[in-house]
Amino acid sequence: MKISGILSNCSFSNGNYQVVLGIGINATNEKPTTSLNALLPVDLAPFVLERLLARIITRLELLYKVFVARGFSGELEQRYYKHWLHDGQIVTLESEGGVRARVLAITMDWGMLKVEELGPGDKPTGRVWKLQSDENSFDFWKGLVRTKI
């Protein structure tokens, strides 16, 4: 059940990276799925949004320091995939005429979504795509990767 998400946009210019993060957390509203507060045991007080945000920011800062020191490898990569929702998800590639594909991973070079084409019986055909996030939109609920306009 999805109660939060992070959308990132990264650019590189003049030798510098710039990352913009958008973080959405359903802390109090039980629609469309549920909220953090709804999942709490009845004997615990609801989340205080300011404290929740402060905790998230301090954790992101620690993860960023690990990333700067070691890159996206080893422990950080393992932690990422442990919580990643897309492992093995079957999607439709709109830009490839509706080809069905299975999500494999994120590429280590440029952070693109790596998918493999599925043939009859959902057997891999051997064809692999690396999809750039700037050119594609991943609709998790519909299992659809569509070209951004």
N, C-alpha and C. Protein backbone atom coordinates (compact mmCIF):
# COMPACT_ATOMS: atom_id res chain seq x y z
N MET A 1 0.85 -1.17 0.00
CA MET A 1 0.00 0.00 0.00
C MET A 1 0.90 1.23 0.00
N LYS A 2 0.67 2.12 -0.91
CA LYS A 2 1.52 3.31 -1.05
C LYS A 2 0.97 4.45 -0.19
N ILE A 3 1.84 4.98 0.68
CA ILE A 3 1.45 6.13 1.50
C ILE A 3 2.40 7.31 1.33
N SER A 4 3.43 7.11 0.51
CA SER A 4 4.36 8.21 0.28
C SER A 4 5.11 7.97 -1.02
N GLY A 5 5.82 9.00 -1.46
CA GLY A 5 6.62 8.87 -2.66
C GLY A 5 7.63 9.99 -2.76
N ILE A 6 8.66 9.74 -3.53
CA ILE A 6 9.69 10.75 -3.77
C ILE A 6 9.88 10.85 -5.28
N LEU A 7 9.85 12.06 -5.77
CA LEU A 7 10.13 12.32 -7.18
C LEU A 7 11.38 13.17 -7.23
N SER A 8 12.37 12.73 -7.99
CA SER A 8 13.61 13.50 -8.07
C SER A 8 13.88 13.89 -9.52
N ASN A 9 14.51 15.02 -9.67
CA ASN A 9 14.93 15.50 -10.97
C ASN A 9 16.36 15.98 -10.82
N CYS A 10 17.25 15.42 -11.63
CA CYS A 10 18.67 15.74 -11.52
C CYS A 10 19.14 16.37 -12.82
N SER A 11 19.97 17.39 -12.69
CA SER A 11 20.58 17.98 -13.88
C SER A 11 22.07 18.21 -13.61
N PHE A 12 22.84 18.27 -14.68
CA PHE A 12 24.28 18.47 -14.58
C PHE A 12 24.65 19.62 -15.50
N SER A 13 25.31 20.63 -14.94
CA SER A 13 25.69 21.80 -15.73
C SER A 13 26.95 22.43 -15.13
N ASN A 14 27.88 22.76 -15.99
CA ASN A 14 29.12 23.42 -15.57
C ASN A 14 29.83 22.67 -14.46
N GLY A 15 29.84 21.34 -14.55
CA GLY A 15 30.56 20.53 -13.57
C GLY A 15 29.84 20.33 -12.25
N ASN A 16 28.57 20.73 -12.16
CA ASN A 16 27.83 20.61 -10.90
C ASN A 16 26.51 19.88 -11.13
N TYR A 17 26.15 19.08 -10.14
CA TYR A 17 24.85 18.42 -10.14
C TYR A 17 23.86 19.26 -9.34
N GLN A 18 22.63 19.26 -9.80
CA GLN A 18 21.55 19.88 -9.04
C GLN A 18 20.42 18.86 -8.96
N VAL A 19 19.99 18.56 -7.75
CA VAL A 19 18.90 17.61 -7.54
C VAL A 19 17.75 18.32 -6.85
N VAL A 20 16.58 18.19 -7.42
CA VAL A 20 15.36 18.73 -6.81
C VAL A 20 14.50 17.54 -6.40
N LEU A 21 14.14 17.50 -5.12
CA LEU A 21 13.32 16.40 -4.61
C LEU A 21 11.94 16.91 -4.27
N GLY A 22 10.95 16.13 -4.67
CA GLY A 22 9.58 16.37 -4.23
C GLY A 22 9.17 15.17 -3.39
N ILE A 23 8.75 15.42 -2.18
CA ILE A 23 8.39 14.35 -1.27
C ILE A 23 6.93 14.51 -0.87
N GLY A 24 6.16 13.45 -1.06
CA GLY A 24 4.76 13.47 -0.67
C GLY A 24 4.51 12.37 0.35
N ILE A 25 3.88 12.72 1.45
CA ILE A 25 3.59 11.76 2.51
C ILE A 25 2.13 11.93 2.90
N ASN A 26 1.39 10.85 2.87
CA ASN A 26 0.02 10.89 3.31
C ASN A 26 0.02 10.60 4.81
N ALA A 27 0.17 11.66 5.62
CA ALA A 27 0.27 11.50 7.06
C ALA A 27 -1.10 11.48 7.73
N THR A 28 -2.07 12.23 7.18
CA THR A 28 -3.34 12.38 7.89
C THR A 28 -4.57 11.99 7.07
N ASN A 29 -4.52 12.08 5.76
CA ASN A 29 -5.68 11.82 4.92
C ASN A 29 -5.78 10.34 4.58
N GLU A 30 -6.87 9.70 4.91
CA GLU A 30 -7.00 8.26 4.67
C GLU A 30 -7.38 7.90 3.23
N LYS A 31 -7.57 8.88 2.37
CA LYS A 31 -7.92 8.62 0.97
C LYS A 31 -6.72 8.97 0.09
N PRO A 32 -6.40 8.33 -0.98
CA PRO A 32 -7.17 7.25 -1.61
C PRO A 32 -6.86 5.87 -1.02
N THR A 33 -5.78 5.73 -0.24
CA THR A 33 -5.46 4.40 0.30
C THR A 33 -5.55 4.39 1.82
N THR A 34 -4.58 5.00 2.48
CA THR A 34 -4.56 5.12 3.93
C THR A 34 -3.53 6.17 4.30
N SER A 35 -3.35 6.38 5.58
CA SER A 35 -2.39 7.38 6.05
C SER A 35 -1.50 6.78 7.13
N LEU A 36 -0.41 7.49 7.42
CA LEU A 36 0.46 7.05 8.51
C LEU A 36 -0.30 7.00 9.83
N ASN A 37 -1.08 8.04 10.11
CA ASN A 37 -1.83 8.08 11.37
C ASN A 37 -2.82 6.92 11.49
N ALA A 38 -3.42 6.53 10.38
CA ALA A 38 -4.39 5.42 10.42
C ALA A 38 -3.71 4.09 10.73
N LEU A 39 -2.41 3.99 10.46
CA LEU A 39 -1.68 2.75 10.70
C LEU A 39 -1.10 2.65 12.10
N LEU A 40 -1.17 3.73 12.86
CA LEU A 40 -0.63 3.73 14.22
C LEU A 40 -1.50 2.90 15.17
N PRO A 41 -0.87 2.22 16.12
CA PRO A 41 -1.67 1.58 17.17
C PRO A 41 -2.48 2.65 17.92
N VAL A 42 -3.63 2.26 18.45
CA VAL A 42 -4.54 3.23 19.08
C VAL A 42 -3.93 3.92 20.29
N ASP A 43 -2.93 3.32 20.93
CA ASP A 43 -2.34 3.93 22.12
C ASP A 43 -1.25 4.95 21.81
N LEU A 44 -0.94 5.16 20.52
CA LEU A 44 0.07 6.15 20.14
C LEU A 44 -0.59 7.41 19.61
N ALA A 45 0.02 8.55 19.93
CA ALA A 45 -0.48 9.84 19.45
C ALA A 45 -0.22 9.99 17.96
N PRO A 46 -1.06 10.74 17.26
CA PRO A 46 -0.84 10.97 15.82
C PRO A 46 0.50 11.68 15.57
N PHE A 47 0.98 11.52 14.35
CA PHE A 47 2.22 12.19 13.96
C PHE A 47 2.04 13.71 14.03
N VAL A 48 3.08 14.39 14.47
CA VAL A 48 3.15 15.84 14.41
C VAL A 48 3.92 16.13 13.12
N LEU A 49 3.27 16.82 12.18
CA LEU A 49 3.85 16.98 10.85
C LEU A 49 5.23 17.63 10.86
N GLU A 50 5.44 18.62 11.72
CA GLU A 50 6.74 19.29 11.78
C GLU A 50 7.84 18.34 12.25
N ARG A 51 7.53 17.49 13.21
CA ARG A 51 8.53 16.52 13.69
C ARG A 51 8.80 15.45 12.64
N LEU A 52 7.76 15.01 11.97
CA LEU A 52 7.92 14.03 10.90
C LEU A 52 8.80 14.59 9.79
N LEU A 53 8.54 15.81 9.37
CA LEU A 53 9.34 16.44 8.33
C LEU A 53 10.80 16.61 8.79
N ALA A 54 11.00 17.03 10.03
CA ALA A 54 12.37 17.19 10.55
C ALA A 54 13.12 15.86 10.54
N ARG A 55 12.44 14.79 10.92
CA ARG A 55 13.07 13.47 10.93
C ARG A 55 13.43 13.02 9.52
N ILE A 56 12.55 13.26 8.58
CA ILE A 56 12.82 12.88 7.19
C ILE A 56 14.02 13.65 6.64
N ILE A 57 14.05 14.94 6.89
CA ILE A 57 15.15 15.78 6.39
C ILE A 57 16.48 15.35 7.01
N THR A 58 16.51 15.07 8.31
CA THR A 58 17.77 14.66 8.93
C THR A 58 18.23 13.29 8.39
N ARG A 59 17.29 12.38 8.13
CA ARG A 59 17.66 11.08 7.54
C ARG A 59 18.19 11.26 6.12
N LEU A 60 17.53 12.12 5.33
CA LEU A 60 18.01 12.38 3.97
C LEU A 60 19.41 12.98 3.99
N GLU A 61 19.67 13.85 4.95
CA GLU A 61 21.00 14.46 5.07
C GLU A 61 22.05 13.39 5.35
N LEU A 62 21.76 12.45 6.24
CA LEU A 62 22.70 11.36 6.52
C LEU A 62 22.93 10.48 5.29
N LEU A 63 21.84 10.15 4.58
CA LEU A 63 21.97 9.34 3.36
C LEU A 63 22.77 10.08 2.29
N TYR A 64 22.56 11.39 2.19
CA TYR A 64 23.31 12.18 1.23
C TYR A 64 24.81 12.14 1.53
N LYS A 65 25.16 12.22 2.81
CA LYS A 65 26.58 12.17 3.20
C LYS A 65 27.19 10.82 2.83
N VAL A 66 26.43 9.74 3.02
CA VAL A 66 26.91 8.41 2.62
C VAL A 66 27.09 8.37 1.10
N PHE A 67 26.13 8.93 0.36
CA PHE A 67 26.21 8.94 -1.10
C PHE A 67 27.44 9.72 -1.57
N VAL A 68 27.69 10.88 -0.99
CA VAL A 68 28.84 11.70 -1.39
C VAL A 68 30.14 10.95 -1.11
N ALA A 69 30.20 10.27 0.03
CA ALA A 69 31.43 9.58 0.41
C ALA A 69 31.67 8.30 -0.40
N ARG A 70 30.60 7.53 -0.70
CA ARG A 70 30.77 6.20 -1.28
C ARG A 70 30.06 5.99 -2.61
N GLY A 71 29.20 6.92 -3.00
CA GLY A 71 28.43 6.73 -4.22
C GLY A 71 27.26 5.79 -3.99
N PHE A 72 26.56 5.47 -5.07
CA PHE A 72 25.40 4.59 -4.98
C PHE A 72 25.86 3.15 -5.19
N SER A 73 26.46 2.59 -4.17
CA SER A 73 26.93 1.22 -4.26
C SER A 73 26.93 0.61 -2.87
N GLY A 74 27.11 -0.68 -2.84
CA GLY A 74 27.21 -1.37 -1.56
C GLY A 74 25.97 -1.24 -0.72
N GLU A 75 26.15 -0.80 0.51
CA GLU A 75 25.05 -0.72 1.48
C GLU A 75 23.91 0.18 1.02
N LEU A 76 24.23 1.33 0.44
CA LEU A 76 23.19 2.26 0.00
C LEU A 76 22.33 1.64 -1.10
N GLU A 77 22.97 0.96 -2.04
CA GLU A 77 22.23 0.29 -3.11
C GLU A 77 21.34 -0.82 -2.54
N GLN A 78 21.86 -1.60 -1.61
CA GLN A 78 21.08 -2.67 -0.99
C GLN A 78 19.86 -2.11 -0.25
N ARG A 79 20.06 -1.03 0.48
CA ARG A 79 18.95 -0.40 1.21
C ARG A 79 17.89 0.12 0.26
N TYR A 80 18.34 0.70 -0.86
CA TYR A 80 17.41 1.22 -1.86
C TYR A 80 16.52 0.11 -2.41
N TYR A 81 17.14 -0.98 -2.86
CA TYR A 81 16.38 -2.07 -3.46
C TYR A 81 15.53 -2.83 -2.44
N LYS A 82 15.92 -2.81 -1.18
CA LYS A 82 15.12 -3.46 -0.13
C LYS A 82 13.73 -2.83 -0.04
N HIS A 83 13.63 -1.54 -0.30
CA HIS A 83 12.38 -0.81 -0.17
C HIS A 83 11.76 -0.41 -1.51
N TRP A 84 12.37 -0.81 -2.60
CA TRP A 84 11.93 -0.44 -3.93
C TRP A 84 10.69 -1.24 -4.31
N LEU A 85 9.65 -0.57 -4.77
CA LEU A 85 8.39 -1.22 -5.08
C LEU A 85 8.32 -1.83 -6.48
N HIS A 86 9.25 -1.51 -7.36
CA HIS A 86 9.11 -1.85 -8.77
C HIS A 86 9.81 -3.14 -9.20
N ASP A 87 10.48 -3.82 -8.31
CA ASP A 87 11.23 -5.02 -8.68
C ASP A 87 10.31 -6.06 -9.32
N GLY A 88 10.59 -6.38 -10.56
CA GLY A 88 9.82 -7.39 -11.28
C GLY A 88 8.46 -6.93 -11.77
N GLN A 89 8.13 -5.65 -11.57
CA GLN A 89 6.82 -5.16 -12.00
C GLN A 89 6.71 -5.23 -13.52
N ILE A 90 5.56 -5.66 -14.00
CA ILE A 90 5.32 -5.73 -15.44
C ILE A 90 4.64 -4.43 -15.86
N VAL A 91 5.21 -3.81 -16.90
CA VAL A 91 4.72 -2.53 -17.39
C VAL A 91 4.48 -2.60 -18.89
N THR A 92 3.77 -1.62 -19.39
CA THR A 92 3.54 -1.47 -20.82
C THR A 92 4.34 -0.27 -21.30
N LEU A 93 5.15 -0.45 -22.34
CA LEU A 93 5.96 0.64 -22.90
C LEU A 93 5.17 1.29 -24.03
N GLU A 94 4.55 2.40 -23.72
CA GLU A 94 3.72 3.09 -24.69
C GLU A 94 4.50 3.51 -25.93
N SER A 95 5.73 4.00 -25.73
CA SER A 95 6.52 4.49 -26.86
C SER A 95 7.02 3.36 -27.77
N GLU A 96 6.91 2.11 -27.31
CA GLU A 96 7.34 0.97 -28.12
C GLU A 96 6.14 0.19 -28.64
N GLY A 97 5.02 0.86 -28.80
CA GLY A 97 3.84 0.23 -29.37
C GLY A 97 3.10 -0.70 -28.43
N GLY A 98 3.25 -0.47 -27.13
CA GLY A 98 2.53 -1.29 -26.16
C GLY A 98 3.23 -2.57 -25.75
N VAL A 99 4.54 -2.63 -25.95
CA VAL A 99 5.32 -3.80 -25.57
C VAL A 99 5.22 -4.00 -24.05
N ARG A 100 5.05 -5.26 -23.65
CA ARG A 100 5.08 -5.60 -22.23
C ARG A 100 6.53 -5.81 -21.83
N ALA A 101 6.88 -5.30 -20.64
CA ALA A 101 8.25 -5.44 -20.16
C ALA A 101 8.25 -5.60 -18.64
N ARG A 102 9.32 -6.17 -18.14
CA ARG A 102 9.50 -6.35 -16.70
C ARG A 102 10.59 -5.40 -16.22
N VAL A 103 10.32 -4.70 -15.13
CA VAL A 103 11.29 -3.79 -14.53
C VAL A 103 12.39 -4.63 -13.88
N LEU A 104 13.65 -4.29 -14.21
CA LEU A 104 14.80 -5.01 -13.68
C LEU A 104 15.51 -4.24 -12.57
N ALA A 105 15.84 -2.98 -12.85
CA ALA A 105 16.69 -2.22 -11.92
C ALA A 105 16.82 -0.78 -12.39
N ILE A 106 17.67 -0.07 -11.72
CA ILE A 106 18.11 1.26 -12.11
C ILE A 106 19.55 1.11 -12.57
N THR A 107 19.91 1.70 -13.71
CA THR A 107 21.28 1.56 -14.21
C THR A 107 22.23 2.33 -13.29
N MET A 108 23.41 1.77 -13.13
CA MET A 108 24.40 2.39 -12.24
C MET A 108 25.10 3.58 -12.87
N ASP A 109 25.05 3.69 -14.20
CA ASP A 109 25.75 4.80 -14.85
C ASP A 109 24.95 6.10 -14.81
N TRP A 110 23.69 6.08 -15.26
CA TRP A 110 22.91 7.31 -15.36
C TRP A 110 21.58 7.25 -14.61
N GLY A 111 21.34 6.19 -13.87
CA GLY A 111 20.12 6.09 -13.08
C GLY A 111 18.85 5.94 -13.90
N MET A 112 18.97 5.26 -15.04
CA MET A 112 17.79 5.05 -15.89
C MET A 112 17.07 3.77 -15.47
N LEU A 113 15.78 3.71 -15.77
CA LEU A 113 14.98 2.53 -15.48
C LEU A 113 15.30 1.46 -16.51
N LYS A 114 15.75 0.31 -16.06
CA LYS A 114 16.13 -0.79 -16.95
C LYS A 114 14.99 -1.80 -16.97
N VAL A 115 14.49 -2.10 -18.19
CA VAL A 115 13.39 -3.06 -18.35
C VAL A 115 13.73 -4.06 -19.45
N GLU A 116 13.15 -5.26 -19.35
CA GLU A 116 13.35 -6.27 -20.37
C GLU A 116 12.02 -6.60 -21.02
N GLU A 117 12.05 -6.78 -22.34
CA GLU A 117 10.84 -7.12 -23.09
C GLU A 117 10.38 -8.52 -22.73
N LEU A 118 9.05 -8.68 -22.66
CA LEU A 118 8.45 -9.98 -22.40
C LEU A 118 7.70 -10.45 -23.63
N GLY A 119 7.91 -11.70 -23.97
CA GLY A 119 7.20 -12.31 -25.09
C GLY A 119 6.06 -13.18 -24.59
N PRO A 120 5.63 -14.12 -25.40
CA PRO A 120 4.55 -15.04 -25.01
C PRO A 120 4.87 -15.74 -23.69
N GLY A 121 3.87 -15.85 -22.84
CA GLY A 121 4.06 -16.50 -21.54
C GLY A 121 4.93 -15.70 -20.60
N ASP A 122 5.09 -14.40 -20.89
CA ASP A 122 5.94 -13.50 -20.09
C ASP A 122 7.38 -13.98 -19.98
N LYS A 123 7.87 -14.62 -21.04
CA LYS A 123 9.27 -15.05 -21.10
C LYS A 123 10.10 -13.92 -21.68
N PRO A 124 11.26 -13.62 -21.08
CA PRO A 124 12.13 -12.56 -21.60
C PRO A 124 12.59 -12.86 -23.02
N THR A 125 12.59 -11.82 -23.87
CA THR A 125 13.02 -11.99 -25.26
C THR A 125 14.51 -11.68 -25.44
N GLY A 126 15.11 -11.06 -24.43
CA GLY A 126 16.51 -10.66 -24.54
C GLY A 126 16.68 -9.19 -24.88
N ARG A 127 15.60 -8.53 -25.31
CA ARG A 127 15.67 -7.11 -25.63
C ARG A 127 15.51 -6.30 -24.34
N VAL A 128 16.42 -5.33 -24.13
CA VAL A 128 16.44 -4.53 -22.91
C VAL A 128 16.42 -3.05 -23.28
N TRP A 129 15.67 -2.27 -22.52
CA TRP A 129 15.64 -0.82 -22.70
C TRP A 129 16.15 -0.15 -21.43
N LYS A 130 16.78 1.00 -21.62
CA LYS A 130 17.17 1.88 -20.51
C LYS A 130 16.42 3.18 -20.75
N LEU A 131 15.46 3.46 -19.88
CA LEU A 131 14.54 4.57 -20.08
C LEU A 131 14.94 5.77 -19.24
N GLN A 132 15.09 6.92 -19.89
CA GLN A 132 15.44 8.14 -19.18
C GLN A 132 14.20 8.73 -18.52
N SER A 133 14.35 9.16 -17.27
CA SER A 133 13.21 9.71 -16.54
C SER A 133 12.75 11.04 -17.13
N ASP A 134 13.66 11.80 -17.73
CA ASP A 134 13.27 13.08 -18.32
C ASP A 134 12.37 12.90 -19.54
N GLU A 135 12.40 11.72 -20.15
CA GLU A 135 11.62 11.47 -21.35
C GLU A 135 10.39 10.62 -21.09
N ASN A 136 10.32 9.99 -19.92
CA ASN A 136 9.25 9.04 -19.64
C ASN A 136 8.60 9.32 -18.30
N SER A 137 7.36 8.88 -18.19
CA SER A 137 6.60 8.97 -16.95
C SER A 137 6.16 7.56 -16.58
N PHE A 138 6.38 7.18 -15.33
CA PHE A 138 6.07 5.84 -14.86
C PHE A 138 4.79 5.91 -14.03
N ASP A 139 3.70 5.38 -14.57
CA ASP A 139 2.42 5.34 -13.86
C ASP A 139 2.36 4.01 -13.12
N PHE A 140 2.70 4.05 -11.84
CA PHE A 140 2.79 2.85 -11.02
C PHE A 140 1.46 2.09 -10.99
N TRP A 141 0.36 2.81 -10.84
CA TRP A 141 -0.95 2.18 -10.68
C TRP A 141 -1.43 1.49 -11.94
N LYS A 142 -1.08 2.03 -13.10
CA LYS A 142 -1.52 1.43 -14.37
C LYS A 142 -0.47 0.52 -14.98
N GLY A 143 0.73 0.49 -14.38
CA GLY A 143 1.81 -0.32 -14.97
C GLY A 143 2.17 0.17 -16.35
N LEU A 144 2.23 1.50 -16.51
CA LEU A 144 2.43 2.09 -17.82
C LEU A 144 3.62 3.04 -17.80
N VAL A 145 4.51 2.87 -18.77
CA VAL A 145 5.59 3.83 -18.99
C VAL A 145 5.23 4.58 -20.25
N ARG A 146 4.99 5.88 -20.12
CA ARG A 146 4.58 6.65 -21.29
C ARG A 146 5.57 7.80 -21.52
N THR A 147 5.67 8.19 -22.77
CA THR A 147 6.54 9.28 -23.17
C THR A 147 5.95 10.60 -22.69
N LYS A 148 6.80 11.42 -22.06
CA LYS A 148 6.36 12.74 -21.63
C LYS A 148 6.19 13.64 -22.85
N ILE A 149 5.21 14.51 -22.78
CA ILE A 149 4.97 15.45 -23.88
C ILE A 149 5.46 16.81 -23.48
